[in-house]
PDB file of all heavy atoms in Angstrom:
ATOM      1  N   ALA A   1     215.541 216.450 195.982  1.00  0.00           N
ATOM      2  CA  ALA A   1     214.936 217.657 196.548  1.00  0.00           C
ATOM      3  C   ALA A   1     213.457 217.467 196.868  1.00  0.00           C
ATOM      4  O   ALA A   1     212.861 218.282 197.571  1.00  0.00           O
ATOM      5  CB  ALA A   1     215.104 218.829 195.573  1.00  0.00           C
ATOM      6  N   SER A   2     212.856 216.404 196.337  1.00  0.00           N
ATOM      7  CA  SER A   2     211.463 216.081 196.640  1.00  0.00           C
ATOM      8  C   SER A   2     211.442 214.679 197.239  1.00  0.00           C
ATOM      9  O   SER A   2     211.077 213.708 196.580  1.00  0.00           O
ATOM     10  CB  SER A   2     210.612 216.147 195.369  1.00  0.00           C
ATOM     11  OG  SER A   2     209.259 215.854 195.647  1.00  0.00           O
ATOM     12  N   PRO A   3     211.841 214.561 198.506  1.00  0.00           N
ATOM     13  CA  PRO A   3     212.081 213.233 199.084  1.00  0.00           C
ATOM     14  C   PRO A   3     210.807 212.446 199.344  1.00  0.00           C
ATOM     15  O   PRO A   3     209.730 213.010 199.566  1.00  0.00           O
ATOM     16  CB  PRO A   3     212.789 213.562 200.406  1.00  0.00           C
ATOM     17  CG  PRO A   3     212.304 214.920 200.761  1.00  0.00           C
ATOM     18  CD  PRO A   3     212.108 215.661 199.471  1.00  0.00           C
ATOM     19  N   VAL A   4     210.967 211.126 199.316  1.00  0.00           N
ATOM     20  CA  VAL A   4     209.895 210.240 199.777  1.00  0.00           C
ATOM     21  C   VAL A   4     209.715 210.404 201.286  1.00  0.00           C
ATOM     22  O   VAL A   4     208.597 210.427 201.798  1.00  0.00           O
ATOM     23  CB  VAL A   4     210.241 208.775 199.421  1.00  0.00           C
ATOM     24  CG1 VAL A   4     209.216 207.821 200.026  1.00  0.00           C
ATOM     25  CG2 VAL A   4     210.321 208.600 197.921  1.00  0.00           C
ATOM     26  N   HIS A   5     210.830 210.550 202.003  1.00  0.00           N
ATOM     27  CA  HIS A   5     210.798 210.808 203.446  1.00  0.00           C
ATOM     28  C   HIS A   5     212.123 211.478 203.826  1.00  0.00           C
ATOM     29  O   HIS A   5     213.185 211.105 203.331  1.00  0.00           O
ATOM     30  CB  HIS A   5     210.621 209.516 204.244  1.00  0.00           C
ATOM     31  CG  HIS A   5     210.277 209.760 205.687  1.00  0.00           C
ATOM     32  ND1 HIS A   5     208.995 209.603 206.177  1.00  0.00           N
ATOM     33  CD2 HIS A   5     211.028 210.155 206.750  1.00  0.00           C
ATOM     34  CE1 HIS A   5     208.986 209.888 207.474  1.00  0.00           C
ATOM     35  NE2 HIS A   5     210.205 210.232 207.830  1.00  0.00           N
ATOM     36  N   LEU A   6     212.039 212.483 204.725  1.00  0.00           N
ATOM     37  CA  LEU A   6     213.239 213.189 205.165  1.00  0.00           C
ATOM     38  C   LEU A   6     213.217 213.339 206.687  1.00  0.00           C
ATOM     39  O   LEU A   6     212.232 213.798 207.269  1.00  0.00           O
ATOM     40  CB  LEU A   6     213.318 214.579 204.524  1.00  0.00           C
ATOM     41  CG  LEU A   6     214.474 215.467 205.006  1.00  0.00           C
ATOM     42  CD1 LEU A   6     215.826 214.823 204.709  1.00  0.00           C
ATOM     43  CD2 LEU A   6     214.394 216.849 204.379  1.00  0.00           C
ATOM     44  N   TYR A   7     214.335 212.899 207.318  1.00  0.00           N
ATOM     45  CA  TYR A   7     214.557 213.099 208.748  1.00  0.00           C
ATOM     46  C   TYR A   7     215.843 213.911 208.883  1.00  0.00           C
ATOM     47  O   TYR A   7     216.909 213.507 208.423  1.00  0.00           O
ATOM     48  CB  TYR A   7     214.696 211.764 209.473  1.00  0.00           C
ATOM     49  CG  TYR A   7     215.089 211.879 210.936  1.00  0.00           C
ATOM     50  CD1 TYR A   7     214.124 211.999 211.921  1.00  0.00           C
ATOM     51  CD2 TYR A   7     216.429 211.869 211.313  1.00  0.00           C
ATOM     52  CE1 TYR A   7     214.473 212.098 213.263  1.00  0.00           C
ATOM     53  CE2 TYR A   7     216.793 211.970 212.641  1.00  0.00           C
ATOM     54  CZ  TYR A   7     215.808 212.090 213.621  1.00  0.00           C
ATOM     55  OH  TYR A   7     216.169 212.199 214.938  1.00  0.00           O
ATOM     56  N   THR A   8     215.756 215.089 209.501  1.00  0.00           N
ATOM     57  CA  THR A   8     216.930 215.939 209.693  1.00  0.00           C
ATOM     58  C   THR A   8     216.697 216.857 210.883  1.00  0.00           C
ATOM     59  O   THR A   8     215.543 217.187 211.207  1.00  0.00           O
ATOM     60  CB  THR A   8     217.217 216.778 208.427  1.00  0.00           C
ATOM     61  OG1 THR A   8     218.422 217.518 208.611  1.00  0.00           O
ATOM     62  CG2 THR A   8     216.092 217.745 208.127  1.00  0.00           C
ATOM     63  N   GLY A   9     217.791 217.233 211.525  1.00  0.00           N
ATOM     64  CA  GLY A   9     217.668 218.100 212.699  1.00  0.00           C
ATOM     65  C   GLY A   9     216.899 217.459 213.830  1.00  0.00           C
ATOM     66  O   GLY A   9     216.252 218.147 214.632  1.00  0.00           O
ATOM     67  N   GLY A  10     216.912 216.121 213.894  1.00  0.00           N
ATOM     68  CA  GLY A  10     216.233 215.418 214.990  1.00  0.00           C
ATOM     69  C   GLY A  10     214.739 215.268 214.809  1.00  0.00           C
ATOM     70  O   GLY A  10     214.044 214.890 215.753  1.00  0.00           O
ATOM     71  N   GLN A  11     214.197 215.516 213.591  1.00  0.00           N
ATOM     72  CA  GLN A  11     212.749 215.395 213.395  1.00  0.00           C
ATOM     73  C   GLN A  11     212.431 215.115 211.918  1.00  0.00           C
ATOM     74  O   GLN A  11     213.246 215.372 211.032  1.00  0.00           O
ATOM     75  CB  GLN A  11     212.030 216.682 213.831  1.00  0.00           C
ATOM     76  CG  GLN A  11     212.450 217.914 213.049  1.00  0.00           C
ATOM     77  CD  GLN A  11     211.749 219.165 213.527  1.00  0.00           C
ATOM     78  OE1 GLN A  11     210.902 219.098 214.403  1.00  0.00           O
ATOM     79  NE2 GLN A  11     212.095 220.301 212.965  1.00  0.00           N
ATOM     80  N   ASP A  12     211.210 214.562 211.692  1.00  0.00           N
ATOM     81  CA  ASP A  12     210.724 214.346 210.329  1.00  0.00           C
ATOM     82  C   ASP A  12     210.342 215.688 209.712  1.00  0.00           C
ATOM     83  O   ASP A  12     209.948 216.623 210.415  1.00  0.00           O
ATOM     84  CB  ASP A  12     209.503 213.422 210.327  1.00  0.00           C
ATOM     85  CG  ASP A  12     209.859 212.009 210.762  1.00  0.00           C
ATOM     86  OD1 ASP A  12     210.919 211.509 210.335  1.00  0.00           O
ATOM     87  OD2 ASP A  12     209.082 211.415 211.542  1.00  0.00           O
ATOM     88  N   ARG A  13     210.440 215.759 208.372  1.00  0.00           N
ATOM     89  CA  ARG A  13     210.110 216.995 207.655  1.00  0.00           C
ATOM     90  C   ARG A  13     209.024 216.720 206.606  1.00  0.00           C
ATOM     91  O   ARG A  13     209.283 216.681 205.408  1.00  0.00           O
ATOM     92  CB  ARG A  13     211.360 217.546 206.990  1.00  0.00           C
ATOM     93  CG  ARG A  13     212.404 218.077 207.948  1.00  0.00           C
ATOM     94  CD  ARG A  13     211.915 219.357 208.646  1.00  0.00           C
ATOM     95  NE  ARG A  13     211.516 220.356 207.683  1.00  0.00           N
ATOM     96  CZ  ARG A  13     212.354 221.191 207.067  1.00  0.00           C
ATOM     97  NH1 ARG A  13     213.651 221.134 207.365  1.00  0.00           N
ATOM     98  NH2 ARG A  13     211.918 222.067 206.195  1.00  0.00           N
ATOM     99  N   PRO A  14     207.767 216.539 207.043  1.00  0.00           N
ATOM    100  CA  PRO A  14     206.694 216.285 206.072  1.00  0.00           C
ATOM    101  C   PRO A  14     206.407 217.483 205.174  1.00  0.00           C
ATOM    102  O   PRO A  14     205.768 217.325 204.124  1.00  0.00           O
ATOM    103  CB  PRO A  14     205.486 215.948 206.963  1.00  0.00           C
ATOM    104  CG  PRO A  14     205.788 216.612 208.274  1.00  0.00           C
ATOM    105  CD  PRO A  14     207.280 216.538 208.433  1.00  0.00           C
ATOM    106  N   ASP A  15     206.865 218.696 205.572  1.00  0.00           N
ATOM    107  CA  ASP A  15     206.581 219.884 204.778  1.00  0.00           C
ATOM    108  C   ASP A  15     207.322 219.883 203.441  1.00  0.00           C
ATOM    109  O   ASP A  15     206.909 220.571 202.494  1.00  0.00           O
ATOM    110  CB  ASP A  15     206.954 221.144 205.561  1.00  0.00           C
ATOM    111  CG  ASP A  15     208.401 221.112 206.058  1.00  0.00           C
ATOM    112  OD1 ASP A  15     208.791 220.073 206.625  1.00  0.00           O
ATOM    113  OD2 ASP A  15     209.120 222.113 205.888  1.00  0.00           O
ATOM    114  N   VAL A  16     208.422 219.119 203.327  1.00  0.00           N
ATOM    115  CA  VAL A  16     209.159 219.057 202.072  1.00  0.00           C
ATOM    116  C   VAL A  16     208.981 217.708 201.382  1.00  0.00           C
ATOM    117  O   VAL A  16     209.612 217.443 200.363  1.00  0.00           O
ATOM    118  CB  VAL A  16     210.667 219.322 202.314  1.00  0.00           C
ATOM    119  CG1 VAL A  16     210.873 220.706 202.859  1.00  0.00           C
ATOM    120  CG2 VAL A  16     211.253 218.258 203.250  1.00  0.00           C
ATOM    121  N   GLN A  17     208.120 216.885 201.921  1.00  0.00           N
ATOM    122  CA  GLN A  17     207.922 215.531 201.392  1.00  0.00           C
ATOM    123  C   GLN A  17     207.113 215.570 200.099  1.00  0.00           C
ATOM    124  O   GLN A  17     206.209 216.398 199.926  1.00  0.00           O
ATOM    125  CB  GLN A  17     207.185 214.685 202.436  1.00  0.00           C
ATOM    126  CG  GLN A  17     207.027 213.227 202.077  1.00  0.00           C
ATOM    127  CD  GLN A  17     206.302 212.458 203.188  1.00  0.00           C
ATOM    128  OE1 GLN A  17     205.501 213.021 203.936  1.00  0.00           O
ATOM    129  NE2 GLN A  17     206.585 211.173 203.295  1.00  0.00           N
ATOM    130  N   ASP A  18     207.452 214.668 199.157  1.00  0.00           N
ATOM    131  CA  ASP A  18     206.669 214.497 197.936  1.00  0.00           C
ATOM    132  C   ASP A  18     205.216 214.213 198.323  1.00  0.00           C
ATOM    133  O   ASP A  18     204.931 213.322 199.128  1.00  0.00           O
ATOM    134  CB  ASP A  18     207.242 213.327 197.117  1.00  0.00           C
ATOM    135  CG  ASP A  18     206.615 213.212 195.731  1.00  0.00           C
ATOM    136  OD1 ASP A  18     205.396 213.431 195.614  1.00  0.00           O
ATOM    137  OD2 ASP A  18     207.346 212.902 194.783  1.00  0.00           O
ATOM    138  N   LYS A  19     204.270 214.957 197.732  1.00  0.00           N
ATOM    139  CA  LYS A  19     202.861 214.849 198.138  1.00  0.00           C
ATOM    140  C   LYS A  19     202.277 213.452 197.880  1.00  0.00           C
ATOM    141  O   LYS A  19     201.329 213.038 198.557  1.00  0.00           O
ATOM    142  CB  LYS A  19     202.022 215.900 197.422  1.00  0.00           C
ATOM    143  CG  LYS A  19     201.971 215.732 195.912  1.00  0.00           C
ATOM    144  CD  LYS A  19     201.091 216.797 195.288  1.00  0.00           C
ATOM    145  CE  LYS A  19     201.007 216.605 193.762  1.00  0.00           C
ATOM    146  NZ  LYS A  19     200.132 217.639 193.154  1.00  0.00           N
ATOM    147  N   ASP A  20     202.832 212.723 196.914  1.00  0.00           N
ATOM    148  CA  ASP A  20     202.323 211.377 196.630  1.00  0.00           C
ATOM    149  C   ASP A  20     202.603 210.394 197.763  1.00  0.00           C
ATOM    150  O   ASP A  20     202.003 209.320 197.825  1.00  0.00           O
ATOM    151  CB  ASP A  20     202.938 210.832 195.344  1.00  0.00           C
ATOM    152  CG  ASP A  20     202.403 211.543 194.109  1.00  0.00           C
ATOM    153  OD1 ASP A  20     201.313 212.133 194.213  1.00  0.00           O
ATOM    154  OD2 ASP A  20     203.073 211.507 193.065  1.00  0.00           O
ATOM    155  N   TYR A  21     203.532 210.753 198.669  1.00  0.00           N
ATOM    156  CA  TYR A  21     203.901 209.840 199.750  1.00  0.00           C
ATOM    157  C   TYR A  21     203.466 210.340 201.124  1.00  0.00           C
ATOM    158  O   TYR A  21     203.718 209.668 202.120  1.00  0.00           O
ATOM    159  CB  TYR A  21     205.422 209.632 199.759  1.00  0.00           C
ATOM    160  CG  TYR A  21     205.927 208.927 198.529  1.00  0.00           C
ATOM    161  CD1 TYR A  21     206.380 209.646 197.419  1.00  0.00           C
ATOM    162  CD2 TYR A  21     205.956 207.537 198.464  1.00  0.00           C
ATOM    163  CE1 TYR A  21     206.842 209.005 196.286  1.00  0.00           C
ATOM    164  CE2 TYR A  21     206.419 206.889 197.335  1.00  0.00           C
ATOM    165  CZ  TYR A  21     206.858 207.633 196.244  1.00  0.00           C
ATOM    166  OH  TYR A  21     207.314 206.990 195.134  1.00  0.00           O
ATOM    167  N   GLN A  22     202.831 211.495 201.182  1.00  0.00           N
ATOM    168  CA  GLN A  22     202.455 212.065 202.475  1.00  0.00           C
ATOM    169  C   GLN A  22     201.460 211.155 203.191  1.00  0.00           C
ATOM    170  O   GLN A  22     200.486 210.700 202.624  1.00  0.00           O
ATOM    171  CB  GLN A  22     201.858 213.460 202.281  1.00  0.00           C
ATOM    172  CG  GLN A  22     202.902 214.493 201.880  1.00  0.00           C
ATOM    173  CD  GLN A  22     202.320 215.885 201.698  1.00  0.00           C
ATOM    174  OE1 GLN A  22     201.122 216.074 201.747  1.00  0.00           O
ATOM    175  NE2 GLN A  22     203.195 216.852 201.471  1.00  0.00           N
ATOM    176  N   GLY A  23     201.740 210.894 204.456  1.00  0.00           N
ATOM    177  CA  GLY A  23     200.890 210.029 205.273  1.00  0.00           C
ATOM    178  C   GLY A  23     201.093 208.549 205.044  1.00  0.00           C
ATOM    179  O   GLY A  23     200.382 207.727 205.633  1.00  0.00           O
ATOM    180  N   ARG A  24     202.080 208.182 204.199  1.00  0.00           N
ATOM    181  CA  ARG A  24     202.276 206.756 203.878  1.00  0.00           C
ATOM    182  C   ARG A  24     203.669 206.253 204.219  1.00  0.00           C
ATOM    183  O   ARG A  24     204.012 205.127 203.866  1.00  0.00           O
ATOM    184  CB  ARG A  24     202.005 206.509 202.390  1.00  0.00           C
ATOM    185  CG  ARG A  24     200.580 206.802 201.946  1.00  0.00           C
ATOM    186  CD  ARG A  24     200.257 206.134 200.615  1.00  0.00           C
ATOM    187  NE  ARG A  24     201.075 206.637 199.517  1.00  0.00           N
ATOM    188  CZ  ARG A  24     201.775 205.861 198.703  1.00  0.00           C
ATOM    189  NH1 ARG A  24     201.821 204.551 198.882  1.00  0.00           N
ATOM    190  NH2 ARG A  24     202.464 206.382 197.701  1.00  0.00           N
ATOM    191  N   THR A  25     204.510 207.064 204.878  1.00  0.00           N
ATOM    192  CA  THR A  25     205.878 206.628 205.172  1.00  0.00           C
ATOM    193  C   THR A  25     206.173 206.723 206.663  1.00  0.00           C
ATOM    194  O   THR A  25     205.572 207.521 207.383  1.00  0.00           O
ATOM    195  CB  THR A  25     206.894 207.489 204.397  1.00  0.00           C
ATOM    196  OG1 THR A  25     206.738 208.861 204.789  1.00  0.00           O
ATOM    197  CG2 THR A  25     206.687 207.368 202.906  1.00  0.00           C
ATOM    198  N   GLU A  26     207.140 205.901 207.092  1.00  0.00           N
ATOM    199  CA  GLU A  26     207.490 205.876 208.516  1.00  0.00           C
ATOM    200  C   GLU A  26     208.894 205.284 208.681  1.00  0.00           C
ATOM    201  O   GLU A  26     209.231 204.285 208.042  1.00  0.00           O
ATOM    202  CB  GLU A  26     206.460 205.030 209.271  1.00  0.00           C
ATOM    203  CG  GLU A  26     206.736 204.884 210.752  1.00  0.00           C
ATOM    204  CD  GLU A  26     205.746 203.946 211.421  1.00  0.00           C
ATOM    205  OE1 GLU A  26     204.742 203.563 210.781  1.00  0.00           O
ATOM    206  OE2 GLU A  26     205.998 203.577 212.588  1.00  0.00           O
ATOM    207  N   LEU A  27     209.715 205.945 209.506  1.00  0.00           N
ATOM    208  CA  LEU A  27     211.032 205.424 209.877  1.00  0.00           C
ATOM    209  C   LEU A  27     210.940 204.727 211.228  1.00  0.00           C
ATOM    210  O   LEU A  27     210.084 205.060 212.062  1.00  0.00           O
ATOM    211  CB  LEU A  27     212.060 206.558 209.951  1.00  0.00           C
ATOM    212  CG  LEU A  27     212.391 207.271 208.636  1.00  0.00           C
ATOM    213  CD1 LEU A  27     213.294 208.467 208.912  1.00  0.00           C
ATOM    214  CD2 LEU A  27     213.059 206.331 207.644  1.00  0.00           C
ATOM    215  N   PHE A  28     211.840 203.769 211.473  1.00  0.00           N
ATOM    216  CA  PHE A  28     211.852 203.029 212.735  1.00  0.00           C
ATOM    217  C   PHE A  28     212.843 203.717 213.681  1.00  0.00           C
ATOM    218  O   PHE A  28     213.994 203.296 213.820  1.00  0.00           O
ATOM    219  CB  PHE A  28     212.243 201.574 212.483  1.00  0.00           C
ATOM    220  CG  PHE A  28     211.316 200.856 211.558  1.00  0.00           C
ATOM    221  CD1 PHE A  28     211.556 200.848 210.186  1.00  0.00           C
ATOM    222  CD2 PHE A  28     210.186 200.217 212.039  1.00  0.00           C
ATOM    223  CE1 PHE A  28     210.697 200.195 209.316  1.00  0.00           C
ATOM    224  CE2 PHE A  28     209.324 199.549 211.189  1.00  0.00           C
ATOM    225  CZ  PHE A  28     209.576 199.541 209.817  1.00  0.00           C
ATOM    226  N   LYS A  29     212.383 204.784 214.344  1.00  0.00           N
ATOM    227  CA  LYS A  29     213.293 205.619 215.125  1.00  0.00           C
ATOM    228  C   LYS A  29     213.830 204.901 216.362  1.00  0.00           C
ATOM    229  O   LYS A  29     214.909 205.252 216.850  1.00  0.00           O
ATOM    230  CB  LYS A  29     212.585 206.910 215.537  1.00  0.00           C
ATOM    231  CG  LYS A  29     212.242 207.780 214.343  1.00  0.00           C
ATOM    232  CD  LYS A  29     211.598 209.080 214.752  1.00  0.00           C
ATOM    233  CE  LYS A  29     211.241 209.848 213.482  1.00  0.00           C
ATOM    234  NZ  LYS A  29     209.916 210.354 213.477  1.00  0.00           N
ATOM    235  N   ASP A  30     213.098 203.903 216.846  1.00  0.00           N
ATOM    236  CA  ASP A  30     213.636 203.160 217.983  1.00  0.00           C
ATOM    237  C   ASP A  30     214.821 202.286 217.571  1.00  0.00           C
ATOM    238  O   ASP A  30     215.556 201.778 218.414  1.00  0.00           O
ATOM    239  CB  ASP A  30     212.536 202.297 218.623  1.00  0.00           C
ATOM    240  CG  ASP A  30     211.884 201.361 217.631  1.00  0.00           C
ATOM    241  OD1 ASP A  30     212.017 201.602 216.393  1.00  0.00           O
ATOM    242  OD2 ASP A  30     211.238 200.400 218.059  1.00  0.00           O
ATOM    243  N   GLU A  31     215.019 202.121 216.241  1.00  0.00           N
ATOM    244  CA  GLU A  31     216.154 201.368 215.719  1.00  0.00           C
ATOM    245  C   GLU A  31     217.315 202.274 215.315  1.00  0.00           C
ATOM    246  O   GLU A  31     218.348 201.791 214.848  1.00  0.00           O
ATOM    247  CB  GLU A  31     215.715 200.534 214.513  1.00  0.00           C
ATOM    248  CG  GLU A  31     214.748 199.403 214.837  1.00  0.00           C
ATOM    249  CD  GLU A  31     215.466 198.260 215.552  1.00  0.00           C
ATOM    250  OE1 GLU A  31     216.615 197.973 215.206  1.00  0.00           O
ATOM    251  OE2 GLU A  31     214.864 197.673 216.472  1.00  0.00           O
ATOM    252  N   PHE A  32     217.134 203.602 215.418  1.00  0.00           N
ATOM    253  CA  PHE A  32     218.198 204.539 215.031  1.00  0.00           C
ATOM    254  C   PHE A  32     219.522 204.275 215.760  1.00  0.00           C
ATOM    255  O   PHE A  32     220.591 204.357 215.150  1.00  0.00           O
ATOM    256  CB  PHE A  32     217.744 205.977 215.275  1.00  0.00           C
ATOM    257  CG  PHE A  32     216.961 206.558 214.128  1.00  0.00           C
ATOM    258  CD1 PHE A  32     216.471 205.740 213.122  1.00  0.00           C
ATOM    259  CD2 PHE A  32     216.717 207.912 214.025  1.00  0.00           C
ATOM    260  CE1 PHE A  32     215.753 206.265 212.064  1.00  0.00           C
ATOM    261  CE2 PHE A  32     216.008 208.443 212.972  1.00  0.00           C
ATOM    262  CZ  PHE A  32     215.511 207.615 211.987  1.00  0.00           C
TER     263      PHE A  32
END
């Protein structure tokens, strides 16, 4: 419930991201 990174509904969800990881994570969407 406190994800390191969450992608859903076609977009990233930084609003529910664990604060310790905010601004430090990235998915490779061109590889999706």
